[in-house]
Amino acid sequence: MTRTIPSVVLNALDDDVISPFFAVELLFDSPNELRLWTGVGDLSYGGHTWTGSGNLLDISSIEEGSDLAVRGATITLSGMTS
């Protein structure tokens, strides 16, 4: 199985400054979703608004198998930094 990198990402790799981030969309048993990203302030992306969580959001290493399936990750939202 092969992973394809979108051209917008490949083009961004030539930029002088690259600011990668993680974004997490949590779906609950209600019509509300919680969208968080690892920066500060609101982020508009993909037609949604993502709330900045700064250092309060932590995502563990993500294991991936040879079939590109994710094996698991831990998402932690904390009220205070260590």
PDB file of N, CA and C in Angstrom:
ATOM      1  N   MET A   1       0.837  -1.166   0.000  1.00  0.00           N
ATOM      2  CA  MET A   1       0.000   0.000   0.000  1.00  0.00           C
ATOM      3  C   MET A   1       0.893   1.245   0.000  1.00  0.00           C
ATOM      4  N   THR A   2       0.508   2.253  -0.747  1.00  0.00           N
ATOM      5  CA  THR A   2       1.311   3.466  -0.872  1.00  0.00           C
ATOM      6  C   THR A   2       0.529   4.667  -0.368  1.00  0.00           C
ATOM      7  N   ARG A   3       1.212   5.520   0.326  1.00  0.00           N
ATOM      8  CA  ARG A   3       0.598   6.757   0.820  1.00  0.00           C
ATOM      9  C   ARG A   3       0.904   7.871  -0.168  1.00  0.00           C
ATOM     10  N   THR A   4      -0.104   8.690  -0.474  1.00  0.00           N
ATOM     11  CA  THR A   4       0.059   9.817  -1.383  1.00  0.00           C
ATOM     12  C   THR A   4       0.131  11.106  -0.579  1.00  0.00           C
ATOM     13  N   ILE A   5       1.100  11.947  -0.882  1.00  0.00           N
ATOM     14  CA  ILE A   5       1.234  13.236  -0.220  1.00  0.00           C
ATOM     15  C   ILE A   5       0.626  14.289  -1.139  1.00  0.00           C
ATOM     16  N   PRO A   6      -0.343  15.055  -0.642  1.00  0.00           N
ATOM     17  CA  PRO A   6      -0.976  16.080  -1.475  1.00  0.00           C
ATOM     18  C   PRO A   6       0.040  17.115  -1.975  1.00  0.00           C
ATOM     19  N   SER A   7      -0.178  17.660  -3.165  1.00  0.00           N
ATOM     20  CA  SER A   7       0.765  18.613  -3.754  1.00  0.00           C
ATOM     21  C   SER A   7       0.907  19.873  -2.905  1.00  0.00           C
ATOM     22  N   VAL A   8      -0.156  20.291  -2.220  1.00  0.00           N
ATOM     23  CA  VAL A   8      -0.056  21.479  -1.367  1.00  0.00           C
ATOM     24  C   VAL A   8       0.948  21.251  -0.231  1.00  0.00           C
ATOM     25  N   VAL A   9       1.050  20.038   0.269  1.00  0.00           N
ATOM     26  CA  VAL A   9       2.020  19.715   1.319  1.00  0.00           C
ATOM     27  C   VAL A   9       3.428  19.687   0.733  1.00  0.00           C
ATOM     28  N   LEU A  10       3.590  19.054  -0.413  1.00  0.00           N
ATOM     29  CA  LEU A  10       4.905  19.000  -1.053  1.00  0.00           C
ATOM     30  C   LEU A  10       5.421  20.402  -1.373  1.00  0.00           C
ATOM     31  N   ASN A  11       4.547  21.281  -1.849  1.00  0.00           N
ATOM     32  CA  ASN A  11       4.945  22.654  -2.153  1.00  0.00           C
ATOM     33  C   ASN A  11       5.327  23.418  -0.897  1.00  0.00           C
ATOM     34  N   ALA A  12       4.634  23.169   0.212  1.00  0.00           N
ATOM     35  CA  ALA A  12       4.916  23.865   1.474  1.00  0.00           C
ATOM     36  C   ALA A  12       6.283  23.483   2.036  1.00  0.00           C
ATOM     37  N   LEU A  13       6.787  22.309   1.695  1.00  0.00           N
ATOM     38  CA  LEU A  13       8.082  21.862   2.207  1.00  0.00           C
ATOM     39  C   LEU A  13       9.235  22.738   1.717  1.00  0.00           C
ATOM     40  N   ASP A  14       9.021  23.498   0.648  1.00  0.00           N
ATOM     41  CA  ASP A  14      10.041  24.414   0.137  1.00  0.00           C
ATOM     42  C   ASP A  14      10.019  25.772   0.839  1.00  0.00           C
ATOM     43  N   ASP A  15       9.016  26.040   1.657  1.00  0.00           N
ATOM     44  CA  ASP A  15       8.893  27.329   2.340  1.00  0.00           C
ATOM     45  C   ASP A  15      10.006  27.519   3.365  1.00  0.00           C
ATOM     46  N   ASP A  16      10.317  28.776   3.653  1.00  0.00           N
ATOM     47  CA  ASP A  16      11.349  29.084   4.655  1.00  0.00           C
ATOM     48  C   ASP A  16      10.909  28.682   6.056  1.00  0.00           C
ATOM     49  N   VAL A  17       9.609  28.816   6.341  1.00  0.00           N
ATOM     50  CA  VAL A  17       9.083  28.487   7.667  1.00  0.00           C
ATOM     51  C   VAL A  17       7.919  27.517   7.495  1.00  0.00           C
ATOM     52  N   ILE A  18       7.952  26.427   8.237  1.00  0.00           N
ATOM     53  CA  ILE A  18       6.870  25.448   8.233  1.00  0.00           C
ATOM     54  C   ILE A  18       6.359  25.339   9.662  1.00  0.00           C
ATOM     55  N   SER A  19       5.047  25.433   9.839  1.00  0.00           N
ATOM     56  CA  SER A  19       4.449  25.375  11.180  1.00  0.00           C
ATOM     57  C   SER A  19       3.477  24.203  11.280  1.00  0.00           C
ATOM     58  N   PRO A  20       3.998  22.989  11.485  1.00  0.00           N
ATOM     59  CA  PRO A  20       3.103  21.831  11.592  1.00  0.00           C
ATOM     60  C   PRO A  20       2.306  21.867  12.890  1.00  0.00           C
ATOM     61  N   PHE A  21       1.165  21.224  12.886  1.00  0.00           N
ATOM     62  CA  PHE A  21       0.324  21.145  14.075  1.00  0.00           C
ATOM     63  C   PHE A  21      -0.504  19.874  14.017  1.00  0.00           C
ATOM     64  N   PHE A  22      -1.050  19.493  15.168  1.00  0.00           N
ATOM     65  CA  PHE A  22      -1.996  18.385  15.249  1.00  0.00           C
ATOM     66  C   PHE A  22      -3.384  18.965  15.436  1.00  0.00           C
ATOM     67  N   ALA A  23      -4.359  18.302  14.862  1.00  0.00           N
ATOM     68  CA  ALA A  23      -5.757  18.674  15.063  1.00  0.00           C
ATOM     69  C   ALA A  23      -6.532  17.402  15.385  1.00  0.00           C
ATOM     70  N   VAL A  24      -7.455  17.519  16.335  1.00  0.00           N
ATOM     71  CA  VAL A  24      -8.231  16.367  16.788  1.00  0.00           C
ATOM     72  C   VAL A  24      -9.708  16.724  16.748  1.00  0.00           C
ATOM     73  N   GLU A  25     -10.497  15.866  16.135  1.00  0.00           N
ATOM     74  CA  GLU A  25     -11.952  16.041  16.127  1.00  0.00           C
ATOM     75  C   GLU A  25     -12.553  14.904  16.947  1.00  0.00           C
ATOM     76  N   LEU A  26     -13.232  15.260  18.043  1.00  0.00           N
ATOM     77  CA  LEU A  26     -13.839  14.276  18.934  1.00  0.00           C
ATOM     78  C   LEU A  26     -15.342  14.288  18.716  1.00  0.00           C
ATOM     79  N   LEU A  27     -15.896  13.129  18.407  1.00  0.00           N
ATOM     80  CA  LEU A  27     -17.328  12.997  18.143  1.00  0.00           C
ATOM     81  C   LEU A  27     -17.984  12.292  19.317  1.00  0.00           C
ATOM     82  N   PHE A  28     -19.024  12.895  19.854  1.00  0.00           N
ATOM     83  CA  PHE A  28     -19.728  12.353  21.006  1.00  0.00           C
ATOM     84  C   PHE A  28     -21.144  11.959  20.606  1.00  0.00           C
ATOM     85  N   ASP A  29     -21.898  11.332  21.534  1.00  0.00           N
ATOM     86  CA  ASP A  29     -23.275  10.920  21.281  1.00  0.00           C
ATOM     87  C   ASP A  29     -24.229  12.107  21.369  1.00  0.00           C
ATOM     88  N   SER A  30     -23.903  13.161  20.700  1.00  0.00           N
ATOM     89  CA  SER A  30     -24.746  14.344  20.648  1.00  0.00           C
ATOM     90  C   SER A  30     -24.422  15.063  19.349  1.00  0.00           C
ATOM     91  N   PRO A  31     -25.166  16.062  19.013  1.00  0.00           N
ATOM     92  CA  PRO A  31     -24.877  16.755  17.755  1.00  0.00           C
ATOM     93  C   PRO A  31     -23.633  17.637  17.819  1.00  0.00           C
ATOM     94  N   ASN A  32     -22.981  17.702  18.957  1.00  0.00           N
ATOM     95  CA  ASN A  32     -21.812  18.572  19.104  1.00  0.00           C
ATOM     96  C   ASN A  32     -20.518  17.798  18.931  1.00  0.00           C
ATOM     97  N   GLU A  33     -19.579  18.427  18.231  1.00  0.00           N
ATOM     98  CA  GLU A  33     -18.235  17.878  18.101  1.00  0.00           C
ATOM     99  C   GLU A  33     -17.280  18.814  18.820  1.00  0.00           C
ATOM    100  N   LEU A  34     -16.161  18.276  19.244  1.00  0.00           N
ATOM    101  CA  LEU A  34     -15.121  19.079  19.864  1.00  0.00           C
ATOM    102  C   LEU A  34     -13.917  19.020  18.934  1.00  0.00           C
ATOM    103  N   ARG A  35     -13.533  20.180  18.404  1.00  0.00           N
ATOM    104  CA  ARG A  35     -12.395  20.257  17.490  1.00  0.00           C
ATOM    105  C   ARG A  35     -11.300  21.087  18.144  1.00  0.00           C
ATOM    106  N   LEU A  36     -10.146  20.460  18.368  1.00  0.00           N
ATOM    107  CA  LEU A  36      -9.022  21.115  19.037  1.00  0.00           C
ATOM    108  C   LEU A  36      -7.789  21.018  18.154  1.00  0.00           C
ATOM    109  N   TRP A  37      -6.926  22.024  18.278  1.00  0.00           N
ATOM    110  CA  TRP A  37      -5.628  21.951  17.604  1.00  0.00           C
ATOM    111  C   TRP A  37      -4.549  22.396  18.570  1.00  0.00           C
ATOM    112  N   THR A  38      -3.302  22.101  18.272  1.00  0.00           N
ATOM    113  CA  THR A  38      -2.213  22.292  19.228  1.00  0.00           C
ATOM    114  C   THR A  38      -1.621  23.696  19.216  1.00  0.00           C
ATOM    115  N   GLY A  39      -2.316  24.658  18.654  1.00  0.00           N
ATOM    116  CA  GLY A  39      -1.858  26.047  18.658  1.00  0.00           C
ATOM    117  C   GLY A  39      -2.676  26.890  19.616  1.00  0.00           C
ATOM    118  N   VAL A  40      -2.605  28.207  19.422  1.00  0.00           N
ATOM    119  CA  VAL A  40      -3.314  29.159  20.263  1.00  0.00           C
ATOM    120  C   VAL A  40      -4.312  29.919  19.401  1.00  0.00           C
ATOM    121  N   GLY A  41      -5.526  30.127  19.920  1.00  0.00           N
ATOM    122  CA  GLY A  41      -6.555  30.853  19.177  1.00  0.00           C
ATOM    123  C   GLY A  41      -7.340  29.931  18.267  1.00  0.00           C
ATOM    124  N   ASP A  42      -8.276  30.511  17.529  1.00  0.00           N
ATOM    125  CA  ASP A  42      -9.099  29.733  16.609  1.00  0.00           C
ATOM    126  C   ASP A  42      -8.379  29.528  15.284  1.00  0.00           C
ATOM    127  N   LEU A  43      -8.607  28.364  14.672  1.00  0.00           N
ATOM    128  CA  LEU A  43      -8.044  28.017  13.374  1.00  0.00           C
ATOM    129  C   LEU A  43      -9.195  27.617  12.458  1.00  0.00           C
ATOM    130  N   SER A  44      -9.291  28.217  11.293  1.00  0.00           N
ATOM    131  CA  SER A  44     -10.287  27.809  10.305  1.00  0.00           C
ATOM    132  C   SER A  44      -9.616  26.859   9.335  1.00  0.00           C
ATOM    133  N   TYR A  45     -10.136  25.637   9.249  1.00  0.00           N
ATOM    134  CA  TYR A  45      -9.549  24.628   8.376  1.00  0.00           C
ATOM    135  C   TYR A  45     -10.629  23.628   7.998  1.00  0.00           C
ATOM    136  N   GLY A  46     -10.697  23.286   6.741  1.00  0.00           N
ATOM    137  CA  GLY A  46     -11.640  22.269   6.281  1.00  0.00           C
ATOM    138  C   GLY A  46     -13.097  22.640   6.500  1.00  0.00           C
ATOM    139  N   GLY A  47     -13.400  23.933   6.510  1.00  0.00           N
ATOM    140  CA  GLY A  47     -14.773  24.367   6.701  1.00  0.00           C
ATOM    141  C   GLY A  47     -15.243  24.353   8.145  1.00  0.00           C
ATOM    142  N   HIS A  48     -14.321  24.153   9.081  1.00  0.00           N
ATOM    143  CA  HIS A  48     -14.660  24.115  10.504  1.00  0.00           C
ATOM    144  C   HIS A  48     -13.753  25.064  11.271  1.00  0.00           C
ATOM    145  N   THR A  49     -14.168  25.421  12.474  1.00  0.00           N
ATOM    146  CA  THR A  49     -13.340  26.203  13.380  1.00  0.00           C
ATOM    147  C   THR A  49     -12.792  25.277  14.451  1.00  0.00           C
ATOM    148  N   TRP A  50     -11.491  25.303  14.613  1.00  0.00           N
ATOM    149  CA  TRP A  50     -10.787  24.470  15.583  1.00  0.00           C
ATOM    150  C   TRP A  50     -10.323  25.377  16.716  1.00  0.00           C
ATOM    151  N   THR A  51     -10.533  24.972  17.946  1.00  0.00           N
ATOM    152  CA  THR A  51     -10.169  25.761  19.123  1.00  0.00           C
ATOM    153  C   THR A  51      -8.741  25.428  19.543  1.00  0.00           C
ATOM    154  N   GLY A  52      -7.927  26.453  19.716  1.00  0.00           N
ATOM    155  CA  GLY A  52      -6.542  26.248  20.125  1.00  0.00           C
ATOM    156  C   GLY A  52      -6.449  25.771  21.561  1.00  0.00           C
ATOM    157  N   SER A  53      -5.662  24.749  21.780  1.00  0.00           N
ATOM    158  CA  SER A  53      -5.500  24.200  23.131  1.00  0.00           C
ATOM    159  C   SER A  53      -4.075  24.358  23.638  1.00  0.00           C
ATOM    160  N   GLY A  54      -3.186  24.878  22.815  1.00  0.00           N
ATOM    161  CA  GLY A  54      -1.799  25.107  23.234  1.00  0.00           C
ATOM    162  C   GLY A  54      -1.156  23.871  23.829  1.00  0.00           C
ATOM    163  N   ASN A  55      -0.546  24.025  25.004  1.00  0.00           N
ATOM    164  CA  ASN A  55       0.139  22.918  25.673  1.00  0.00           C
ATOM    165  C   ASN A  55      -0.810  21.989  26.416  1.00  0.00           C
ATOM    166  N   LEU A  56      -2.105  22.281  26.409  1.00  0.00           N
ATOM    167  CA  LEU A  56      -3.051  21.455  27.163  1.00  0.00           C
ATOM    168  C   LEU A  56      -3.418  20.165  26.429  1.00  0.00           C
ATOM    169  N   LEU A  57      -3.158  20.105  25.126  1.00  0.00           N
ATOM    170  CA  LEU A  57      -3.475  18.929  24.321  1.00  0.00           C
ATOM    171  C   LEU A  57      -2.199  18.153  24.051  1.00  0.00           C
ATOM    172  N   ASP A  58      -2.227  16.854  24.319  1.00  0.00           N
ATOM    173  CA  ASP A  58      -1.069  16.000  24.074  1.00  0.00           C
ATOM    174  C   ASP A  58      -1.523  14.765  23.319  1.00  0.00           C
ATOM    175  N   ILE A  59      -0.781  14.406  22.301  1.00  0.00           N
ATOM    176  CA  ILE A  59      -1.095  13.215  21.500  1.00  0.00           C
ATOM    177  C   ILE A  59       0.127  12.309  21.539  1.00  0.00           C
ATOM    178  N   SER A  60      -0.093  11.045  21.936  1.00  0.00           N
ATOM    179  CA  SER A  60       1.015  10.094  22.035  1.00  0.00           C
ATOM    180  C   SER A  60       1.517   9.720  20.643  1.00  0.00           C
ATOM    181  N   SER A  61       2.587   8.965  20.616  1.00  0.00           N
ATOM    182  CA  SER A  61       3.068   8.411  19.356  1.00  0.00           C
ATOM    183  C   SER A  61       1.973   7.553  18.751  1.00  0.00           C
ATOM    184  N   ILE A  62       1.880   7.585  17.440  1.00  0.00           N
ATOM    185  CA  ILE A  62       0.840   6.841  16.739  1.00  0.00           C
ATOM    186  C   ILE A  62       1.508   5.687  16.003  1.00  0.00           C
ATOM    187  N   GLU A  63       1.117   4.471  16.357  1.00  0.00           N
ATOM    188  CA  GLU A  63       1.658   3.291  15.691  1.00  0.00           C
ATOM    189  C   GLU A  63       0.879   3.029  14.419  1.00  0.00           C
ATOM    190  N   GLU A  64       1.610   2.627  13.379  1.00  0.00           N
ATOM    191  CA  GLU A  64       0.989   2.339  12.099  1.00  0.00           C
ATOM    192  C   GLU A  64       1.539   1.017  11.585  1.00  0.00           C
ATOM    193  N   GLY A  65       0.651   0.168  11.089  1.00  0.00           N
ATOM    194  CA  GLY A  65       1.074  -1.117  10.555  1.00  0.00           C
ATOM    195  C   GLY A  65       1.479  -1.021   9.096  1.00  0.00           C
ATOM    196  N   SER A  66       1.959  -2.106   8.553  1.00  0.00           N
ATOM    197  CA  SER A  66       2.385  -2.114   7.153  1.00  0.00           C
ATOM    198  C   SER A  66       1.222  -1.880   6.196  1.00  0.00           C
ATOM    199  N   ASP A  67      -0.005  -2.097   6.678  1.00  0.00           N
ATOM    200  CA  ASP A  67      -1.190  -1.850   5.849  1.00  0.00           C
ATOM    201  C   ASP A  67      -1.700  -0.419   6.016  1.00  0.00           C
ATOM    202  N   LEU A  68      -0.908   0.456   6.691  1.00  0.00           N
ATOM    203  CA  LEU A  68      -1.211   1.860   6.949  1.00  0.00           C
ATOM    204  C   LEU A  68      -2.378   2.062   7.900  1.00  0.00           C
ATOM    205  N   ALA A  69      -2.766   1.004   8.621  1.00  0.00           N
ATOM    206  CA  ALA A  69      -3.829   1.119   9.622  1.00  0.00           C
ATOM    207  C   ALA A  69      -3.235   1.622  10.929  1.00  0.00           C
ATOM    208  N   VAL A  70      -3.939   2.535  11.565  1.00  0.00           N
ATOM    209  CA  VAL A  70      -3.493   3.054  12.854  1.00  0.00           C
ATOM    210  C   VAL A  70      -3.781   2.021  13.932  1.00  0.00           C
ATOM    211  N   ARG A  71      -2.799   1.758  14.794  1.00  0.00           N
ATOM    212  CA  ARG A  71      -2.941   0.747  15.840  1.00  0.00           C
ATOM    213  C   ARG A  71      -3.401   1.334  17.173  1.00  0.00           C
ATOM    214  N   GLY A  72      -3.356   2.638  17.301  1.00  0.00           N
ATOM    215  CA  GLY A  72      -3.813   3.253  18.541  1.00  0.00           C
ATOM    216  C   GLY A  72      -3.021   4.490  18.889  1.00  0.00           C
ATOM    217  N   ALA A  73      -3.667   5.363  19.641  1.00  0.00           N
ATOM    218  CA  ALA A  73      -3.031   6.583  20.121  1.00  0.00           C
ATOM    219  C   ALA A  73      -3.764   7.015  21.382  1.00  0.00           C
ATOM    220  N   THR A  74      -3.100   7.791  22.208  1.00  0.00           N
ATOM    221  CA  THR A  74      -3.708   8.321  23.412  1.00  0.00           C
ATOM    222  C   THR A  74      -3.753   9.841  23.296  1.00  0.00           C
ATOM    223  N   ILE A  75      -4.932  10.410  23.506  1.00  0.00           N
ATOM    224  CA  ILE A  75      -5.124  11.849  23.470  1.00  0.00           C
ATOM    225  C   ILE A  75      -5.397  12.299  24.901  1.00  0.00           C
ATOM    226  N   THR A  76      -4.625  13.262  25.374  1.00  0.00           N
ATOM    227  CA  THR A  76      -4.776  13.758  26.736  1.00  0.00           C
ATOM    228  C   THR A  76      -5.061  15.251  26.698  1.00  0.00           C
ATOM    229  N   LEU A  77      -6.098  15.668  27.397  1.00  0.00           N
ATOM    230  CA  LEU A  77      -6.424  17.079  27.547  1.00  0.00           C
ATOM    231  C   LEU A  77      -6.282  17.400  29.019  1.00  0.00           C
ATOM    232  N   SER A  78      -5.335  18.271  29.350  1.00  0.00           N
ATOM    233  CA  SER A  78      -5.005  18.547  30.734  1.00  0.00           C
ATOM    234  C   SER A  78      -5.318  20.001  31.067  1.00  0.00           C
ATOM    235  N   GLY A  79      -5.635  20.254  32.342  1.00  0.00           N
ATOM    236  CA  GLY A  79      -5.921  21.600  32.784  1.00  0.00           C
ATOM    237  C   GLY A  79      -4.704  22.383  33.190  1.00  0.00           C
ATOM    238  N   MET A  80      -3.578  21.720  33.316  1.00  0.00           N
ATOM    239  CA  MET A  80      -2.351  22.444  33.666  1.00  0.00           C
ATOM    240  C   MET A  80      -1.146  21.736  33.074  1.00  0.00           C
ATOM    241  N   THR A  81      -0.151  22.516  32.738  1.00  0.00           N
ATOM    242  CA  THR A  81       1.063  21.949  32.170  1.00  0.00           C
ATOM    243  C   THR A  81       1.936  21.380  33.293  1.00  0.00           C
ATOM    244  N   SER A  82       2.776  20.430  32.965  1.00  0.00           N
ATOM    245  CA  SER A  82       3.674  19.837  33.956  1.00  0.00           C
ATOM    246  C   SER A  82       4.832  20.778  34.181  1.00  0.00           C
TER     247      SER A  82
END
